[in-house]
Amino acid sequence: MSPTPSAASVATHLFSLRGRTALVTGAGRGLGLSIACGLAAHGASVWLNGRDPEGLREAQQQVADAGRAAGGRAHALPFDVSDEAGASAALEHLLAQDGRLDILVNNVGQRRRQNLDALPAQALRDLLDSNLISAWHLSREAATPMRSQGFGRIINITSIAGPIARAGDAAYTTGKGALEAMTRALAAELGPQGINVNAIAPGYFATDTNAAMVDDAATTSWLRQRSSLGRWGQPGEIAGAAVFLASPAASYVTGQVLVVDGGYLAHF
């Protein structure tokens, strides 16, 4: 008779990513780097994308250190997500090296805060190219090996600016709202092939990009009143959501947006 597995071993299996290969875009810093560290810490072989090879080397070392105890590995994969030919070539290289792709995290995102009258249509096209079209292209490319495997996880990093909006930020909100809709559409299309597609919607995180806002006492005071937890999120606090959606624990979860915002959307 087989022994009953312990609670600890069941928990470990539920969130184990051993044997899985992941690609995280925009992984050189911020939330992308934290997500990459989390995946590696649970045993995944993680490929880090970014446009700055030097910055990626530094990030690669952090991810390798995070994954050492669990057998996770880190690889740098510099390319511009807006360059479709370059992105496809990078994916071919990844597959040639690791032989599979199990997890794609579409994290790259740009922001351009401008009023409607000040934002030309071409600027919106450029932003959508980076924030939406690149995710579409990489998801389509990644779906091919995932179909062959009968397994895949696509995780899109959207924003609380998808379901809600504020003045002077229409372009970003448009792109993130579309990415949220794309998540549902791809979940419906790819589910029968064993591919789960979900999104994570971060709230206010204390990243390098938001440093000026973090240092602004008025903004921090406002956030204290506006959110349930009353503080900025730390970049490492995004990793658990990504690990969950990539892991066996989320095998029956698809087409969903997991909000990680300290209670911002729930609070008024």
Protein backbone atom coordinates (compact mmCIF):
# COMPACT_ATOMS: atom_id res chain seq x y z
CA MET A 1 0.00 0.00 0.00
CA SER A 2 1.40 3.40 -0.99
CA PRO A 3 2.01 5.81 1.87
CA THR A 4 -0.28 8.80 2.15
CA PRO A 5 1.56 11.90 0.91
CA SER A 6 2.29 14.49 3.55
CA ALA A 7 0.67 17.90 3.45
CA ALA A 8 4.09 19.41 2.78
CA SER A 9 4.75 17.20 -0.25
CA VAL A 10 1.30 17.93 -1.69
CA ALA A 11 1.85 21.66 -1.24
CA THR A 12 5.27 21.43 -2.88
CA HIS A 13 3.84 19.56 -5.88
CA LEU A 14 0.97 22.03 -6.29
CA PHE A 15 3.36 24.92 -6.86
CA SER A 16 6.34 23.10 -8.37
CA LEU A 17 7.60 24.31 -11.75
CA ARG A 18 10.41 21.78 -12.07
CA GLY A 19 10.87 20.70 -15.67
CA ARG A 20 9.03 23.77 -16.98
CA THR A 21 10.51 26.42 -19.26
CA ALA A 22 9.33 30.02 -19.03
CA LEU A 23 9.84 33.19 -21.04
CA VAL A 24 9.28 36.50 -19.22
CA THR A 25 9.33 39.68 -21.30
CA GLY A 26 10.57 42.90 -19.77
CA ALA A 27 12.41 40.90 -17.13
CA GLY A 28 15.42 43.15 -16.69
CA ARG A 29 13.92 45.01 -13.74
CA GLY A 30 10.74 45.79 -11.82
CA LEU A 31 7.78 43.43 -11.81
CA GLY A 32 9.16 41.33 -14.67
CA LEU A 33 12.35 40.60 -12.74
CA SER A 34 10.38 39.72 -9.60
CA ILE A 35 8.18 37.34 -11.60
CA ALA A 36 11.22 35.70 -13.17
CA CYS A 37 12.80 35.23 -9.72
CA GLY A 38 9.59 33.66 -8.41
CA LEU A 39 9.34 31.19 -11.29
CA ALA A 40 12.99 30.17 -10.92
CA ALA A 41 12.61 29.80 -7.16
CA HIS A 42 10.00 27.13 -7.86
CA GLY A 43 12.26 25.22 -10.25
CA ALA A 44 11.59 26.68 -13.71
CA SER A 45 14.16 27.30 -16.41
CA VAL A 46 13.53 31.01 -17.01
CA TRP A 47 14.47 33.00 -20.09
CA LEU A 48 14.67 36.73 -19.42
CA ASN A 49 13.80 39.13 -22.21
CA GLY A 50 14.83 42.77 -22.45
CA ARG A 51 16.47 45.21 -24.86
CA ASP A 52 19.55 45.94 -22.74
CA PRO A 53 21.99 42.99 -22.81
CA GLU A 54 24.08 44.42 -19.95
CA GLY A 55 21.04 44.92 -17.72
CA LEU A 56 19.86 41.42 -18.55
CA ARG A 57 23.16 39.93 -17.41
CA GLU A 58 22.71 41.51 -14.00
CA ALA A 59 19.09 40.34 -13.82
CA GLN A 60 20.11 36.86 -14.95
CA GLN A 61 22.41 36.54 -11.95
CA GLN A 62 19.61 37.55 -9.57
CA VAL A 63 17.25 35.01 -11.10
CA ALA A 64 19.92 32.29 -11.02
CA ASP A 65 20.52 33.00 -7.33
CA ALA A 66 16.77 32.84 -6.63
CA GLY A 67 16.46 29.49 -8.37
CA ARG A 68 19.55 27.75 -7.05
CA ALA A 69 17.94 25.84 -4.17
CA ALA A 70 15.04 24.58 -6.32
CA GLY A 71 17.07 23.78 -9.43
CA GLY A 72 15.77 26.77 -11.37
CA ARG A 73 17.93 28.24 -14.11
CA ALA A 74 18.25 31.62 -15.78
CA HIS A 75 19.08 32.61 -19.36
CA ALA A 76 19.28 36.02 -21.02
CA LEU A 77 17.36 36.47 -24.28
CA PRO A 78 17.71 40.06 -25.52
CA PHE A 79 15.26 41.19 -28.23
CA ASP A 80 12.72 43.93 -28.89
CA VAL A 81 9.20 42.54 -28.47
CA SER A 82 7.93 45.02 -31.07
CA ASP A 83 10.22 43.44 -33.71
CA GLU A 84 8.17 40.44 -34.83
CA ALA A 85 10.97 38.83 -36.84
CA GLY A 86 13.41 39.26 -33.96
CA ALA A 87 10.90 37.90 -31.45
CA SER A 88 10.22 34.83 -33.60
CA ALA A 89 13.94 34.18 -34.01
CA ALA A 90 14.47 34.48 -30.25
CA LEU A 91 11.71 31.97 -29.62
CA GLU A 92 13.30 29.56 -32.09
CA HIS A 93 16.59 29.89 -30.20
CA LEU A 94 14.86 29.19 -26.87
CA LEU A 95 13.20 26.07 -28.28
CA ALA A 96 16.45 24.86 -29.80
CA GLN A 97 18.15 25.15 -26.41
CA ASP A 98 15.45 23.92 -23.99
CA GLY A 99 13.25 21.91 -26.35
CA ARG A 100 9.98 23.27 -24.99
CA LEU A 101 8.12 26.36 -23.81
CA ASP A 102 5.58 25.93 -21.03
CA ILE A 103 5.04 29.42 -19.62
CA LEU A 104 4.90 32.77 -21.40
CA VAL A 105 4.61 35.94 -19.31
CA ASN A 106 3.80 38.99 -21.45
CA ASN A 107 5.01 41.70 -19.10
CA VAL A 108 6.40 44.46 -21.35
CA GLY A 109 4.46 47.68 -21.14
CA GLN A 110 4.98 51.35 -21.93
CA ARG A 111 3.07 54.32 -20.57
CA ARG A 112 2.46 57.75 -22.06
CA ARG A 113 0.35 60.00 -19.87
CA GLN A 114 -1.15 62.67 -22.10
CA ASN A 115 -4.54 64.20 -22.68
CA LEU A 116 -6.53 63.19 -25.74
CA ASP A 117 -5.80 66.42 -27.61
CA ALA A 118 -2.06 66.10 -27.03
CA LEU A 119 -1.72 62.46 -28.09
CA PRO A 120 -1.50 61.86 -31.86
CA ALA A 121 -2.88 58.66 -33.34
CA GLN A 122 0.62 57.46 -34.25
CA ALA A 123 1.67 57.64 -30.60
CA LEU A 124 -1.29 55.42 -29.72
CA ARG A 125 -0.29 52.98 -32.48
CA ASP A 126 3.26 52.83 -31.11
CA LEU A 127 2.02 52.18 -27.58
CA LEU A 128 -0.38 49.46 -28.74
CA ASP A 129 2.46 47.89 -30.72
CA SER A 130 4.45 47.49 -27.52
CA ASN A 131 1.67 46.77 -25.02
CA LEU A 132 -0.77 44.70 -27.08
CA ILE A 133 0.43 43.59 -30.51
CA SER A 134 3.71 42.20 -29.14
CA ALA A 135 1.76 40.06 -26.66
CA TRP A 136 -0.50 38.87 -29.46
CA HIS A 137 2.48 37.88 -31.62
CA LEU A 138 4.37 36.10 -28.86
CA SER A 139 1.23 34.29 -27.71
CA ARG A 140 0.58 33.10 -31.24
CA GLU A 141 4.18 31.93 -31.62
CA ALA A 142 4.23 30.24 -28.20
CA ALA A 143 0.94 28.46 -28.85
CA THR A 144 2.58 26.25 -31.49
CA PRO A 145 4.96 24.33 -29.17
CA MET A 146 2.38 24.46 -26.36
CA ARG A 147 -0.19 22.71 -28.59
CA SER A 148 2.36 20.00 -29.42
CA GLN A 149 3.01 19.49 -25.71
CA GLY A 150 -0.69 19.56 -24.83
CA PHE A 151 0.24 22.01 -22.08
CA GLY A 152 0.84 25.72 -21.76
CA ARG A 153 0.39 28.74 -19.55
CA ILE A 154 0.13 32.26 -20.97
CA ILE A 155 0.04 35.07 -18.39
CA ASN A 156 -0.58 38.64 -19.51
CA ILE A 157 0.36 41.50 -17.18
CA THR A 158 -2.47 44.00 -17.50
CA SER A 159 -3.29 46.69 -14.93
CA ILE A 160 -6.04 48.04 -12.74
CA ALA A 161 -6.11 50.67 -15.51
CA GLY A 162 -7.87 48.04 -17.62
CA PRO A 163 -11.27 48.03 -15.87
CA ILE A 164 -11.06 51.61 -14.52
CA ALA A 165 -9.73 54.87 -15.92
CA ARG A 166 -8.52 58.32 -15.03
CA ALA A 167 -8.14 61.50 -17.08
CA GLY A 168 -4.93 62.02 -19.03
CA ASP A 169 -4.10 58.32 -19.42
CA ALA A 170 -6.40 57.16 -22.20
CA ALA A 171 -3.76 55.43 -24.34
CA TYR A 172 -2.47 53.20 -21.55
CA THR A 173 -5.98 52.35 -20.35
CA THR A 174 -7.02 51.49 -23.91
CA GLY A 175 -4.09 49.11 -24.34
CA LYS A 176 -4.50 47.39 -20.99
CA GLY A 177 -8.25 47.02 -21.46
CA ALA A 178 -7.63 45.40 -24.84
CA LEU A 179 -5.02 43.06 -23.33
CA GLU A 180 -7.58 41.97 -20.74
CA ALA A 181 -10.10 41.23 -23.51
CA MET A 182 -7.43 39.35 -25.47
CA THR A 183 -6.79 37.19 -22.41
CA ARG A 184 -10.40 35.99 -22.42
CA ALA A 185 -10.41 35.49 -26.20
CA LEU A 186 -7.24 33.37 -26.19
CA ALA A 187 -8.46 31.36 -23.19
CA ALA A 188 -11.55 30.41 -25.16
CA GLU A 189 -9.58 29.52 -28.28
CA LEU A 190 -6.61 27.71 -26.75
CA GLY A 191 -8.26 25.92 -23.84
CA PRO A 192 -9.13 22.80 -25.88
CA GLN A 193 -5.40 22.41 -26.66
CA GLY A 194 -4.47 22.36 -22.97
CA ILE A 195 -3.33 25.98 -22.80
CA ASN A 196 -4.52 28.16 -19.92
CA VAL A 197 -4.53 31.91 -20.48
CA ASN A 198 -4.88 34.33 -17.58
CA ALA A 199 -3.85 37.83 -16.59
CA ILE A 200 -2.48 39.63 -13.56
CA ALA A 201 -3.62 43.21 -12.96
CA PRO A 202 -1.14 45.01 -10.69
CA GLY A 203 -2.05 48.09 -8.72
CA TYR A 204 0.38 50.63 -7.29
CA PHE A 205 3.85 49.05 -6.95
CA ALA A 206 7.02 50.71 -5.70
CA THR A 207 9.10 50.01 -8.81
CA ASP A 208 11.93 52.12 -10.23
CA THR A 209 9.51 53.45 -12.84
CA ASN A 210 7.24 54.78 -10.09
CA ALA A 211 10.09 56.16 -7.93
CA ALA A 212 8.99 59.79 -8.25
CA MET A 213 5.45 58.91 -7.17
CA VAL A 214 6.71 56.78 -4.28
CA ASP A 215 8.82 59.69 -3.06
CA ASP A 216 5.90 62.09 -3.28
CA ALA A 217 4.32 62.40 0.17
CA ALA A 218 0.97 63.54 -1.22
CA THR A 219 0.66 60.48 -3.49
CA THR A 220 1.58 58.08 -0.70
CA SER A 221 -0.89 59.77 1.64
CA TRP A 222 -3.62 59.51 -0.99
CA LEU A 223 -2.85 55.81 -1.55
CA ARG A 224 -3.03 55.21 2.20
CA GLN A 225 -6.63 56.43 2.14
CA ARG A 226 -7.57 54.94 -1.23
CA SER A 227 -6.56 51.28 -0.81
CA SER A 228 -7.49 48.66 1.77
CA LEU A 229 -3.90 47.86 2.76
CA GLY A 230 -2.95 51.53 2.67
CA ARG A 231 0.52 51.19 1.16
CA TRP A 232 2.56 50.66 -1.97
CA GLY A 233 3.06 47.09 -3.14
CA GLN A 234 6.63 45.80 -3.15
CA PRO A 235 7.82 44.23 -6.46
CA GLY A 236 8.34 40.82 -4.85
CA GLU A 237 4.66 40.70 -3.92
CA ILE A 238 3.68 40.11 -7.55
CA ALA A 239 5.63 36.84 -7.83
CA GLY A 240 3.17 34.63 -5.95
CA ALA A 241 0.35 35.41 -8.37
CA ALA A 242 2.51 34.43 -11.35
CA VAL A 243 3.75 31.23 -9.69
CA PHE A 244 0.15 30.26 -8.88
CA LEU A 245 -1.13 30.81 -12.42
CA ALA A 246 1.85 28.92 -13.90
CA SER A 247 1.61 25.99 -11.48
CA PRO A 248 -0.50 22.82 -11.19
CA ALA A 249 -2.51 24.62 -8.50
CA ALA A 250 -4.18 26.69 -11.26
CA SER A 251 -4.88 23.82 -13.66
CA TYR A 252 -8.62 24.66 -13.78
CA VAL A 253 -8.19 28.43 -13.91
CA THR A 254 -8.36 30.16 -17.30
CA GLY A 255 -9.72 33.36 -18.78
CA GLN A 256 -9.37 35.18 -15.45
CA VAL A 257 -7.78 38.43 -14.31
CA LEU A 258 -6.10 38.12 -10.91
CA VAL A 259 -5.97 41.60 -9.37
CA VAL A 260 -2.98 42.31 -7.10
CA ASP A 261 -3.62 45.84 -5.87
CA GLY A 262 -3.76 45.93 -2.07
CA GLY A 263 -7.53 46.32 -2.26
CA TYR A 264 -7.56 49.39 -4.51
CA LEU A 265 -10.47 48.20 -6.68
CA ALA A 266 -12.41 46.92 -3.68
CA HIS A 267 -12.03 50.11 -1.68
CA PHE A 268 -13.89 53.44 -1.89
